Protein backbone atom coordinates (compact mmCIF):
# COMPACT_ATOMS: atom_id res chain seq x y z
CA UNK A 1 -5.72 15.96 -50.69
CA UNK A 2 -9.52 16.07 -50.35
CA UNK A 3 -9.54 12.52 -48.98
CA UNK A 4 -6.95 13.47 -46.36
CA UNK A 5 -8.97 16.48 -45.33
CA UNK A 6 -12.15 14.42 -45.18
CA UNK A 7 -10.37 11.80 -43.05
CA UNK A 8 -9.20 14.47 -40.60
CA UNK A 9 -12.72 15.92 -40.40
CA UNK A 10 -14.14 12.45 -39.78
CA UNK A 11 -11.58 11.74 -37.03
CA UNK A 12 -12.30 15.08 -35.39
CA UNK A 13 -16.05 14.43 -35.47
CA UNK A 14 -15.50 10.94 -34.05
CA UNK A 15 -13.43 12.32 -31.17
CA UNK A 16 -16.11 14.91 -30.41
CA UNK A 17 -18.81 12.25 -30.42
CA UNK A 18 -16.76 10.00 -28.14
CA UNK A 19 -17.11 12.49 -25.30
CA UNK A 20 -15.54 12.23 -21.87
CA UNK A 21 -14.20 8.78 -20.95
CA UNK A 22 -14.10 7.98 -17.24
CA UNK A 23 -11.87 4.99 -17.93
CA UNK A 24 -9.19 7.35 -19.25
CA UNK A 25 -9.58 10.09 -16.64
CA UNK A 26 -6.57 10.34 -14.27
CA UNK A 27 -8.58 12.20 -11.61
CA UNK A 28 -11.37 9.61 -11.69
CA UNK A 29 -8.99 6.65 -11.64
CA UNK A 30 -6.99 8.16 -8.77
CA UNK A 31 -10.20 8.69 -6.83
CA UNK A 32 -11.23 5.06 -7.33
CA UNK A 33 -7.76 3.82 -6.44
CA UNK A 34 -7.83 5.93 -3.28
CA UNK A 35 -11.21 4.44 -2.32
CA UNK A 36 -9.86 0.91 -2.81
CA UNK A 37 -6.77 1.65 -0.72
CA UNK A 38 -8.87 3.15 2.09
CA UNK A 39 -11.19 0.13 2.08
CA UNK A 40 -8.23 -2.24 2.48
CA UNK A 41 -7.10 -0.55 5.71
CA UNK A 42 -10.58 0.46 6.96
CA UNK A 43 -11.05 -2.37 9.47
CA UNK A 44 -7.63 -1.89 11.09
CA UNK A 45 -8.27 1.85 11.43
CA UNK A 46 -11.88 1.63 12.61
CA UNK A 47 -10.90 -0.71 15.44
CA UNK A 48 -8.80 2.15 16.82
CA UNK A 49 -11.42 4.80 16.07
CA UNK A 50 -9.19 6.40 13.43
CA UNK A 51 -9.56 7.67 9.89
CA UNK A 52 -6.73 7.40 7.36
CA UNK A 53 -6.04 11.13 7.74
CA UNK A 54 -5.85 10.86 11.53
CA UNK A 55 -3.51 7.90 11.13
CA UNK A 56 -1.32 10.04 8.86
CA UNK A 57 -1.04 12.67 11.61
CA UNK A 58 -0.12 10.03 14.20
CA UNK A 59 2.44 8.48 11.80
CA UNK A 60 4.07 11.86 11.16
CA UNK A 61 4.29 12.52 14.92
CA UNK A 62 5.58 9.02 15.65
CA UNK A 63 8.49 9.77 13.33
CA UNK A 64 9.12 13.27 14.68
CA UNK A 65 7.66 14.54 17.95
CA UNK A 66 7.00 18.20 18.69
CA UNK A 67 6.14 19.27 15.13
CA UNK A 68 4.25 22.44 14.42
CA UNK A 69 0.88 22.28 12.70
CA UNK A 70 2.47 23.93 9.66
CA UNK A 71 4.96 21.05 9.50
CA UNK A 72 2.13 18.51 9.75
CA UNK A 73 0.39 20.21 6.84
CA UNK A 74 3.55 19.71 4.74
CA UNK A 75 4.06 16.09 5.87
CA UNK A 76 0.47 14.87 5.53
CA UNK A 77 -0.84 17.01 2.67
CA UNK A 78 -3.96 17.87 4.69
CA UNK A 79 -5.04 21.48 4.18
CA UNK A 80 -4.42 23.93 7.02
CA UNK A 81 -8.01 24.50 8.18
CA UNK A 82 -8.94 20.80 8.06
CA UNK A 83 -5.80 19.85 9.97
CA UNK A 84 -6.47 22.49 12.63
CA UNK A 85 -9.95 21.00 13.23
CA UNK A 86 -8.54 17.46 13.26
CA UNK A 87 -5.78 18.31 15.72
CA UNK A 88 -8.34 19.92 18.04
CA UNK A 89 -10.57 16.83 17.98
CA UNK A 90 -7.63 14.44 18.40
CA UNK A 91 -6.37 16.46 21.36
CA UNK A 92 -9.79 16.31 23.04
CA UNK A 93 -9.86 12.54 22.40
CA UNK A 94 -6.51 12.17 24.17
CA UNK A 95 -4.44 11.06 21.16
CA UNK A 96 -2.15 14.08 21.04
CA UNK A 97 -1.21 17.17 23.02
CA UNK A 98 -0.25 20.72 22.06
CA UNK A 99 2.16 22.85 24.04
CA UNK A 100 3.78 26.20 23.39
CA UNK A 101 6.72 25.83 21.03
CA UNK A 102 10.11 26.61 22.52
CA UNK A 103 11.27 27.96 19.17
CA UNK A 104 8.23 30.12 18.41
CA UNK A 105 5.80 31.22 21.14
CA UNK A 106 3.14 31.95 18.56
CA UNK A 107 3.18 28.30 17.40
CA UNK A 108 2.11 25.09 19.10
CA UNK A 109 4.29 21.97 19.19
CA UNK A 110 2.24 18.79 18.67
CA UNK A 111 3.25 15.47 20.28
CA UNK A 112 1.78 12.00 20.79
CA UNK A 113 0.08 10.99 24.01
CA UNK A 114 0.27 7.35 25.21
CA UNK A 115 -3.22 6.69 23.82
CA UNK A 116 -2.23 8.06 20.41
CA UNK A 117 0.94 5.99 20.21
CA UNK A 118 -0.94 2.85 21.24
CA UNK A 119 -3.62 3.46 18.59
CA UNK A 120 -0.97 4.13 15.95
CA UNK A 121 1.01 0.97 16.75
CA UNK A 122 -2.18 -1.14 16.81
CA UNK A 123 -3.38 0.17 13.42
CA UNK A 124 0.06 0.10 11.75
CA UNK A 125 0.16 -3.61 10.75
CA UNK A 126 -3.21 -3.32 9.01
CA UNK A 127 -2.19 -0.19 7.11
CA UNK A 128 1.14 -1.76 6.09
CA UNK A 129 -0.68 -4.90 4.91
CA UNK A 130 -3.04 -2.72 2.83
CA UNK A 131 -0.07 -0.89 1.28
CA UNK A 132 1.60 -4.20 0.38
CA UNK A 133 -1.61 -5.49 -1.17
CA UNK A 134 -1.89 -2.35 -3.31
CA UNK A 135 1.74 -2.68 -4.45
CA UNK A 136 1.26 -6.38 -5.21
CA UNK A 137 -1.18 -5.34 -7.95
CA UNK A 138 1.64 -3.51 -9.73
CA UNK A 139 4.39 -5.30 -11.64
CA UNK A 140 7.60 -5.42 -9.58
CA UNK A 141 9.60 -3.47 -12.17
CA UNK A 142 6.99 -0.69 -12.24
CA UNK A 143 6.50 -0.10 -8.51
CA UNK A 144 9.18 2.56 -8.06
CA UNK A 145 7.79 4.47 -11.03
CA UNK A 146 4.23 4.05 -9.75
CA UNK A 147 5.05 5.46 -6.30
CA UNK A 148 7.24 8.18 -7.77
CA UNK A 149 4.33 9.26 -9.99
CA UNK A 150 1.98 9.39 -7.00
CA UNK A 151 4.57 11.35 -5.02
CA UNK A 152 5.02 13.85 -7.86
CA UNK A 153 1.26 14.47 -7.82
CA UNK A 154 0.67 14.78 -4.10
CA UNK A 155 3.59 13.50 -2.04
CA UNK A 156 6.42 15.17 -0.14
CA UNK A 157 9.56 16.10 -2.06
CA UNK A 158 11.82 13.90 0.10
CA UNK A 159 9.81 10.73 -0.62
CA UNK A 160 12.15 9.11 -3.21
CA UNK A 161 14.53 7.19 -0.87
CA UNK A 162 11.56 5.99 1.21
CA UNK A 163 9.80 4.86 -1.97
CA UNK A 164 12.75 2.70 -3.01
CA UNK A 165 12.94 1.09 0.46
CA UNK A 166 9.21 0.35 0.43
CA UNK A 167 9.39 -1.26 -3.00
CA UNK A 168 12.41 -3.38 -2.04
CA UNK A 169 10.59 -4.67 1.07
CA UNK A 170 7.55 -5.64 -1.00
CA UNK A 171 9.72 -7.26 -3.67
CA UNK A 172 11.49 -9.36 -1.02
CA UNK A 173 8.16 -10.56 0.32
CA UNK A 174 6.95 -11.39 -3.19
CA UNK A 175 10.09 -13.46 -3.76
CA UNK A 176 9.54 -15.36 -0.51
CA UNK A 177 5.89 -15.94 -1.43
CA UNK A 178 6.90 -17.31 -4.84
CA UNK A 179 9.52 -19.59 -3.31
CA UNK A 180 7.07 -21.23 -0.92
CA UNK A 181 4.97 -23.05 -3.55
CA UNK A 182 8.15 -24.23 -5.27
CA UNK A 183 9.41 -25.77 -2.05
CA UNK A 184 6.04 -27.41 -1.43
CA UNK A 185 6.01 -28.78 -4.99
CA UNK A 186 9.55 -30.11 -4.62
CA UNK A 187 8.55 -31.83 -1.40
CA UNK A 188 5.47 -33.32 -3.07
CA UNK A 189 7.56 -34.57 -6.00
CA UNK A 190 10.01 -36.20 -3.60
CA UNK A 191 7.13 -37.89 -1.75
CA UNK A 192 5.73 -39.19 -5.05
CA UNK A 193 9.12 -40.59 -6.06
CA UNK A 194 9.52 -42.33 -2.71
CA UNK A 195 6.03 -43.78 -3.00
CA UNK A 196 6.75 -45.09 -6.51
CA UNK A 197 10.06 -46.58 -5.37
CA UNK A 198 8.35 -48.36 -2.46
CA UNK A 199 5.62 -49.68 -4.77
CA UNK A 200 8.25 -50.92 -7.23
CA UNK A 201 10.11 -52.79 -4.48
CA UNK A 202 6.86 -54.30 -3.21
CA UNK A 203 5.93 -55.49 -6.72
CA UNK A 204 9.36 -57.11 -7.17
CA UNK A 205 9.00 -58.99 -3.87
CA UNK A 206 5.54 -60.27 -4.91
CA UNK A 207 6.94 -61.53 -8.25
CA UNK A 208 9.78 -63.36 -6.49
CA UNK A 209 7.34 -65.09 -4.15
CA UNK A 210 5.20 -66.21 -7.08
CA UNK A 211 8.24 -67.67 -8.86
CA UNK A 212 9.26 -69.66 -5.76
CA UNK A 213 5.78 -71.14 -5.54
C-alpha cells in the first residue's frame, strides 16, 4: 500500500514539475493554426485591400443581401462593436452600403456595392485554395470531424451540411490528384515497353543479317 501511495505522490509531483505545455494547449494550437490559415490566403486578400474579417463580411453579404448588422455578427462571429467599426470603414471605402431596413426602421440593411462584389469575387479563388490546402493536411476520413469540431467551438449552428459539402469537394480533388500520377506512370510504362519491343526487333534483324553474311 505504501508503495502505491508513494507512486501516486511521485506522479503528482512529476505532473506539477512538468508545468504548462504549449504543445498540448488547445487555445495555443488553435491560434497557431489560425495564423497559418491567414498566411495562406494573405496575398489574395491583400491584393484586394481586404482582411480575412472583411472578406467574411463580403462573403456573408454575397450569400444574402440586405442583412442587418446583428445578422452579420451571427454569421461572421465578429463582435458587435468591431463589426460596427468595420462596416463603417467598408462603407466609406465603397465596398458596401447601408440603408434603412424596410422591416425595422431602427436597423440598417447592409448590401454589397459593385466594388465590394468585385473584390470578393477576385479574392475568392485564393481563399478557397487556402481552405483546400488546410484540409489537405488532415486525413480524408477525419475532415468532417475536424470541421465539425471547429464549428462547435466558434462556427454557426447551421454549418454541418456545408461542412460535408466542403469535405466532399476536397476529397474529390484529392482523388483526381492521386489519379494523375498513376496515369502518367502507366503512360511511362507503356512507352518503356514499346521501346524494349522496338529494341528487341532491331536486335533480331541485326542477328539475321550477320547470319546471312
